[in-house]
Amino acid sequence: MNEQDWEAVAEAIRERMQEIHIGQRELADSTGVSAATIRELMYNYKPRRRSTRTLRAISVGLEWSPDYVESVLYSRAPVESSAAGDATVAGVAVESKTISAQLNLVLRHVDEIRADVRDLKEMLTKHKRSS
């Protein structure tokens, strides 16, 4: 198994956040990764396996190529994004998934409200008939 260098990841994340002037909350909001996870990674607190999705989201949120953080983790030469375009496309994909999940949640709530309204109409109709 490849050696993991979580301290290198922490240092790279902290330096990049300073370079691009982004805070933990802003990075969390733009990536869908919790602020607690970002904090753990920034300070190498509770080093443990992280999903590829999490590492890629953070890479993209820091305007790196999607595999950047994972490359640092495994001490491989990180691939710089040929342009911000790669990171932008990946960022749009991550944001699109987040928006899609939120939209699905809203649609479920709308369906629940419709069912409640339908039930209320039925109750009113029955009440009118019995009066």
C-alpha atoms as a PDB file:
ATOM      1  CA  MET A   1       0.000   0.000   0.000  1.00  0.00           C
ATOM      2  CA  ASN A   2       1.250   3.500  -0.792  1.00  0.00           C
ATOM      3  CA  GLU A   3       2.409   5.729   2.037  1.00  0.00           C
ATOM      4  CA  GLN A   4       0.078   8.615   2.780  1.00  0.00           C
ATOM      5  CA  ASP A   5       1.500  12.019   3.692  1.00  0.00           C
ATOM      6  CA  TRP A   6      -1.363  13.809   5.444  1.00  0.00           C
ATOM      7  CA  GLU A   7       1.006  16.472   6.777  1.00  0.00           C
ATOM      8  CA  ALA A   8       1.922  17.424   3.187  1.00  0.00           C
ATOM      9  CA  VAL A   9      -1.787  17.624   2.365  1.00  0.00           C
ATOM     10  CA  ALA A  10      -2.394  19.870   5.374  1.00  0.00           C
ATOM     11  CA  GLU A  11       0.456  22.186   4.408  1.00  0.00           C
ATOM     12  CA  ALA A  12      -0.616  22.352   0.750  1.00  0.00           C
ATOM     13  CA  ILE A  13      -4.219  23.170   1.680  1.00  0.00           C
ATOM     14  CA  ARG A  14      -3.235  25.873   4.176  1.00  0.00           C
ATOM     15  CA  GLU A  15      -0.813  27.506   1.734  1.00  0.00           C
ATOM     16  CA  ARG A  16      -3.300  27.420  -1.126  1.00  0.00           C
ATOM     17  CA  MET A  17      -6.094  28.889   0.987  1.00  0.00           C
ATOM     18  CA  GLN A  18      -3.798  31.795   1.830  1.00  0.00           C
ATOM     19  CA  GLU A  19      -2.756  32.198  -1.828  1.00  0.00           C
ATOM     20  CA  ILE A  20      -6.295  32.446  -3.146  1.00  0.00           C
ATOM     21  CA  HIS A  21      -7.707  34.175  -0.050  1.00  0.00           C
ATOM     22  CA  ILE A  22     -10.386  31.655   0.794  1.00  0.00           C
ATOM     23  CA  GLY A  23     -11.620  30.735   4.270  1.00  0.00           C
ATOM     24  CA  GLN A  24     -12.778  27.419   5.673  1.00  0.00           C
ATOM     25  CA  ARG A  25     -16.475  28.302   5.502  1.00  0.00           C
ATOM     26  CA  GLU A  26     -16.232  29.565   1.918  1.00  0.00           C
ATOM     27  CA  LEU A  27     -14.324  26.435   0.861  1.00  0.00           C
ATOM     28  CA  ALA A  28     -16.889  24.258   2.634  1.00  0.00           C
ATOM     29  CA  ASP A  29     -19.784  26.051   0.943  1.00  0.00           C
ATOM     30  CA  SER A  30     -18.228  25.824  -2.516  1.00  0.00           C
ATOM     31  CA  THR A  31     -17.274  22.147  -2.243  1.00  0.00           C
ATOM     32  CA  GLY A  32     -20.033  20.564  -0.194  1.00  0.00           C
ATOM     33  CA  VAL A  33     -17.362  19.263   2.204  1.00  0.00           C
ATOM     34  CA  SER A  34     -18.040  20.054   5.856  1.00  0.00           C
ATOM     35  CA  ALA A  35     -16.024  22.783   7.517  1.00  0.00           C
ATOM     36  CA  ALA A  36     -15.043  20.228  10.175  1.00  0.00           C
ATOM     37  CA  THR A  37     -13.514  17.936   7.541  1.00  0.00           C
ATOM     38  CA  ILE A  38     -11.675  20.845   5.949  1.00  0.00           C
ATOM     39  CA  ARG A  39     -10.345  21.877   9.360  1.00  0.00           C
ATOM     40  CA  GLU A  40      -9.205  18.292  10.054  1.00  0.00           C
ATOM     41  CA  LEU A  41      -7.361  18.196   6.743  1.00  0.00           C
ATOM     42  CA  MET A  42      -5.833  21.670   7.192  1.00  0.00           C
ATOM     43  CA  TYR A  43      -4.323  20.758  10.553  1.00  0.00           C
ATOM     44  CA  ASN A  44      -3.766  17.017   9.996  1.00  0.00           C
ATOM     45  CA  TYR A  45      -6.179  16.295  12.820  1.00  0.00           C
ATOM     46  CA  LYS A  46      -7.649  12.779  12.809  1.00  0.00           C
ATOM     47  CA  PRO A  47      -5.777  11.632   9.670  1.00  0.00           C
ATOM     48  CA  ARG A  48      -7.756   8.833   8.075  1.00  0.00           C
ATOM     49  CA  ARG A  49      -8.953   7.631   4.710  1.00  0.00           C
ATOM     50  CA  ARG A  50     -11.007  10.217   2.847  1.00  0.00           C
ATOM     51  CA  SER A  51     -13.180   9.555  -0.161  1.00  0.00           C
ATOM     52  CA  THR A  52     -11.862  10.404  -3.594  1.00  0.00           C
ATOM     53  CA  ARG A  53     -14.909  12.634  -4.013  1.00  0.00           C
ATOM     54  CA  THR A  54     -13.929  14.661  -0.929  1.00  0.00           C
ATOM     55  CA  LEU A  55     -10.316  15.054  -2.028  1.00  0.00           C
ATOM     56  CA  ARG A  56     -11.347  16.021  -5.553  1.00  0.00           C
ATOM     57  CA  ALA A  57     -13.937  18.511  -4.347  1.00  0.00           C
ATOM     58  CA  ILE A  58     -11.312  20.212  -2.187  1.00  0.00           C
ATOM     59  CA  SER A  59      -8.827  20.225  -5.066  1.00  0.00           C
ATOM     60  CA  VAL A  60     -11.355  21.885  -7.346  1.00  0.00           C
ATOM     61  CA  GLY A  61     -12.455  24.291  -4.632  1.00  0.00           C
ATOM     62  CA  LEU A  62      -8.830  25.376  -4.308  1.00  0.00           C
ATOM     63  CA  GLU A  63      -8.632  25.904  -8.085  1.00  0.00           C
ATOM     64  CA  TRP A  64      -6.343  22.927  -8.622  1.00  0.00           C
ATOM     65  CA  SER A  65      -6.788  19.997 -10.972  1.00  0.00           C
ATOM     66  CA  PRO A  66      -9.201  17.415  -9.500  1.00  0.00           C
ATOM     67  CA  ASP A  67      -6.414  14.921  -8.629  1.00  0.00           C
ATOM     68  CA  TYR A  68      -4.096  17.474  -7.007  1.00  0.00           C
ATOM     69  CA  VAL A  69      -4.729  16.728  -3.306  1.00  0.00           C
ATOM     70  CA  GLU A  70      -4.604  12.980  -3.903  1.00  0.00           C
ATOM     71  CA  SER A  71      -1.274  13.402  -5.700  1.00  0.00           C
ATOM     72  CA  VAL A  72       0.130  15.306  -2.726  1.00  0.00           C
ATOM     73  CA  LEU A  73      -1.218  12.633  -0.365  1.00  0.00           C
ATOM     74  CA  TYR A  74       0.640   9.854  -2.175  1.00  0.00           C
ATOM     75  CA  SER A  75       3.766  11.974  -2.785  1.00  0.00           C
ATOM     76  CA  ARG A  76       3.252  12.008  -6.533  1.00  0.00           C
ATOM     77  CA  ALA A  77       4.057  15.090  -8.542  1.00  0.00           C
ATOM     78  CA  PRO A  78       0.771  17.009  -8.584  1.00  0.00           C
ATOM     79  CA  VAL A  79      -0.547  17.745 -12.031  1.00  0.00           C
ATOM     80  CA  GLU A  80      -1.115  21.443 -12.375  1.00  0.00           C
ATOM     81  CA  SER A  81      -4.288  22.312 -14.192  1.00  0.00           C
ATOM     82  CA  SER A  82      -3.403  23.355 -17.722  1.00  0.00           C
ATOM     83  CA  ALA A  83      -5.752  26.215 -17.128  1.00  0.00           C
ATOM     84  CA  ALA A  84      -8.360  27.083 -14.608  1.00  0.00           C
ATOM     85  CA  GLY A  85     -10.741  25.483 -17.104  1.00  0.00           C
ATOM     86  CA  ASP A  86     -10.204  21.933 -15.830  1.00  0.00           C
ATOM     87  CA  ALA A  87     -10.905  22.974 -12.277  1.00  0.00           C
ATOM     88  CA  THR A  88     -13.823  25.100 -13.380  1.00  0.00           C
ATOM     89  CA  VAL A  89     -15.450  22.232 -15.266  1.00  0.00           C
ATOM     90  CA  ALA A  90     -14.964  19.888 -12.324  1.00  0.00           C
ATOM     91  CA  GLY A  91     -16.214  22.593  -9.966  1.00  0.00           C
ATOM     92  CA  VAL A  92     -19.330  23.058 -12.044  1.00  0.00           C
ATOM     93  CA  ALA A  93     -19.904  19.307 -11.929  1.00  0.00           C
ATOM     94  CA  VAL A  94     -19.593  19.258  -8.125  1.00  0.00           C
ATOM     95  CA  GLU A  95     -21.853  22.310  -7.802  1.00  0.00           C
ATOM     96  CA  SER A  96     -24.337  20.807 -10.245  1.00  0.00           C
ATOM     97  CA  LYS A  97     -24.582  17.640  -8.135  1.00  0.00           C
ATOM     98  CA  THR A  98     -25.116  19.734  -5.014  1.00  0.00           C
ATOM     99  CA  ILE A  99     -27.841  21.798  -6.685  1.00  0.00           C
ATOM    100  CA  SER A 100     -29.450  18.645  -8.061  1.00  0.00           C
ATOM    101  CA  ALA A 101     -29.556  17.080  -4.589  1.00  0.00           C
ATOM    102  CA  GLN A 102     -31.080  20.249  -3.141  1.00  0.00           C
ATOM    103  CA  LEU A 103     -33.646  20.404  -5.936  1.00  0.00           C
ATOM    104  CA  ASN A 104     -34.632  16.782  -5.328  1.00  0.00           C
ATOM    105  CA  LEU A 105     -35.154  17.594  -1.664  1.00  0.00           C
ATOM    106  CA  VAL A 106     -37.361  20.581  -2.566  1.00  0.00           C
ATOM    107  CA  LEU A 107     -39.365  18.441  -4.997  1.00  0.00           C
ATOM    108  CA  ARG A 108     -39.949  15.805  -2.300  1.00  0.00           C
ATOM    109  CA  HIS A 109     -41.256  18.538   0.003  1.00  0.00           C
ATOM    110  CA  VAL A 110     -43.533  19.853  -2.736  1.00  0.00           C
ATOM    111  CA  ASP A 111     -44.926  16.337  -3.243  1.00  0.00           C
ATOM    112  CA  GLU A 112     -45.553  16.066   0.498  1.00  0.00           C
ATOM    113  CA  ILE A 113     -47.346  19.427   0.517  1.00  0.00           C
ATOM    114  CA  ARG A 114     -49.491  18.352  -2.443  1.00  0.00           C
ATOM    115  CA  ALA A 115     -50.470  15.189  -0.607  1.00  0.00           C
ATOM    116  CA  ASP A 116     -51.336  17.222   2.496  1.00  0.00           C
ATOM    117  CA  VAL A 117     -53.478  19.634   0.436  1.00  0.00           C
ATOM    118  CA  ARG A 118     -55.252  16.711  -1.225  1.00  0.00           C
ATOM    119  CA  ASP A 119     -55.968  15.183   2.195  1.00  0.00           C
ATOM    120  CA  LEU A 120     -57.307  18.517   3.480  1.00  0.00           C
ATOM    121  CA  LYS A 121     -59.596  18.874   0.477  1.00  0.00           C
ATOM    122  CA  GLU A 122     -60.980  15.398   1.094  1.00  0.00           C
ATOM    123  CA  MET A 123     -61.533  16.187   4.761  1.00  0.00           C
ATOM    124  CA  LEU A 124     -63.342  19.435   3.882  1.00  0.00           C
ATOM    125  CA  THR A 125     -65.521  17.674   1.318  1.00  0.00           C
ATOM    126  CA  LYS A 126     -66.498  15.001   3.865  1.00  0.00           C
ATOM    127  CA  HIS A 127     -67.162  17.643   6.507  1.00  0.00           C
ATOM    128  CA  LYS A 128     -69.418  19.636   4.132  1.00  0.00           C
ATOM    129  CA  ARG A 129     -71.371  16.494   3.243  1.00  0.00           C
ATOM    130  CA  SER A 130     -71.925  15.601   6.870  1.00  0.00           C
ATOM    131  CA  SER A 131     -73.066  19.118   7.807  1.00  0.00           C
END
